[in-house]
Amino acid sequence: MSLPKDPVMLLSVVNTQLRDRFSSLEALADDYGVSPSEIQDMLKTINYEYNEELNQFK
């Protein structure tokens, strides 16, 4: 499965995966074959940033 290109859909998928399957953004990105910065850059376009303590985008 690949990650959605739409930032809002990406946010939903990423936060769900971080909650249910992955202990870090790096682990999620590695599993999907992308860099963490690619995900972060896409979600910054809708004003979401990764919170490492909470392991989610807020």
C-alpha atoms as a PDB file:
ATOM      1  CA  MET A   1       0.000   0.000   0.000  1.00  0.00           C
ATOM      2  CA  SER A   2       1.255   3.476  -0.791  1.00  0.00           C
ATOM      3  CA  LEU A   3       0.580   6.642   1.125  1.00  0.00           C
ATOM      4  CA  PRO A   4      -2.143   9.012  -0.142  1.00  0.00           C
ATOM      5  CA  LYS A   5      -1.059  12.120  -2.047  1.00  0.00           C
ATOM      6  CA  ASP A   6      -3.853  14.266  -0.602  1.00  0.00           C
ATOM      7  CA  PRO A   7      -2.548  15.903   2.612  1.00  0.00           C
ATOM      8  CA  VAL A   8      -5.818  15.478   4.557  1.00  0.00           C
ATOM      9  CA  MET A   9      -6.047  11.797   3.676  1.00  0.00           C
ATOM     10  CA  LEU A  10      -2.339  11.416   4.437  1.00  0.00           C
ATOM     11  CA  LEU A  11      -2.871  12.913   7.887  1.00  0.00           C
ATOM     12  CA  SER A  12      -5.605  10.410   8.665  1.00  0.00           C
ATOM     13  CA  VAL A  13      -3.594   7.412   7.465  1.00  0.00           C
ATOM     14  CA  VAL A  14      -0.342   8.476   9.114  1.00  0.00           C
ATOM     15  CA  ASN A  15      -1.855   9.264  12.511  1.00  0.00           C
ATOM     16  CA  THR A  16      -3.796   5.993  12.484  1.00  0.00           C
ATOM     17  CA  GLN A  17      -0.675   4.030  11.567  1.00  0.00           C
ATOM     18  CA  LEU A  18       1.380   5.831  14.223  1.00  0.00           C
ATOM     19  CA  ARG A  19      -1.254   5.005  16.822  1.00  0.00           C
ATOM     20  CA  ASP A  20      -1.806   1.382  15.828  1.00  0.00           C
ATOM     21  CA  ARG A  21       1.415   0.045  14.286  1.00  0.00           C
ATOM     22  CA  PHE A  22       4.491   2.234  14.544  1.00  0.00           C
ATOM     23  CA  SER A  23       6.432   3.608  17.486  1.00  0.00           C
ATOM     24  CA  SER A  24       7.974   6.439  15.455  1.00  0.00           C
ATOM     25  CA  LEU A  25       7.651   8.449  12.268  1.00  0.00           C
ATOM     26  CA  GLU A  26      10.966   6.999  11.110  1.00  0.00           C
ATOM     27  CA  ALA A  27       9.652   3.432  11.404  1.00  0.00           C
ATOM     28  CA  LEU A  28       6.494   4.306   9.489  1.00  0.00           C
ATOM     29  CA  ALA A  29       8.413   6.116   6.744  1.00  0.00           C
ATOM     30  CA  ASP A  30      10.862   3.229   6.405  1.00  0.00           C
ATOM     31  CA  ASP A  31       8.026   0.731   6.044  1.00  0.00           C
ATOM     32  CA  TYR A  32       6.431   2.820   3.281  1.00  0.00           C
ATOM     33  CA  GLY A  33       9.746   3.505   1.543  1.00  0.00           C
ATOM     34  CA  VAL A  34       9.693   7.278   1.960  1.00  0.00           C
ATOM     35  CA  SER A  35      11.692   9.696   4.056  1.00  0.00           C
ATOM     36  CA  PRO A  36      10.200  11.187   7.218  1.00  0.00           C
ATOM     37  CA  SER A  37      10.804  14.654   5.759  1.00  0.00           C
ATOM     38  CA  GLU A  38       8.582  13.858   2.750  1.00  0.00           C
ATOM     39  CA  ILE A  39       5.681  13.139   5.089  1.00  0.00           C
ATOM     40  CA  GLN A  40       6.460  16.136   7.281  1.00  0.00           C
ATOM     41  CA  ASP A  41       6.706  18.495   4.295  1.00  0.00           C
ATOM     42  CA  MET A  42       3.373  17.340   2.891  1.00  0.00           C
ATOM     43  CA  LEU A  43       1.611  17.731   6.231  1.00  0.00           C
ATOM     44  CA  LYS A  44       3.153  21.157   6.830  1.00  0.00           C
ATOM     45  CA  THR A  45       1.111  22.335   3.836  1.00  0.00           C
ATOM     46  CA  ILE A  46      -2.000  21.905   6.010  1.00  0.00           C
ATOM     47  CA  ASN A  47      -0.294  23.225   9.151  1.00  0.00           C
ATOM     48  CA  TYR A  48       0.371  19.923  10.911  1.00  0.00           C
ATOM     49  CA  GLU A  49       3.679  19.139  12.571  1.00  0.00           C
ATOM     50  CA  TYR A  50       4.976  15.922  14.054  1.00  0.00           C
ATOM     51  CA  ASN A  51       5.014  15.751  17.844  1.00  0.00           C
ATOM     52  CA  GLU A  52       7.573  13.104  18.779  1.00  0.00           C
ATOM     53  CA  GLU A  53       6.382  12.908  22.390  1.00  0.00           C
ATOM     54  CA  LEU A  54       2.831  12.083  21.332  1.00  0.00           C
ATOM     55  CA  ASN A  55       3.928  10.197  18.190  1.00  0.00           C
ATOM     56  CA  GLN A  56       1.355  11.978  16.086  1.00  0.00           C
ATOM     57  CA  PHE A  57       0.817  14.969  13.848  1.00  0.00           C
ATOM     58  CA  LYS A  58      -0.997  17.883  15.480  1.00  0.00           C
END
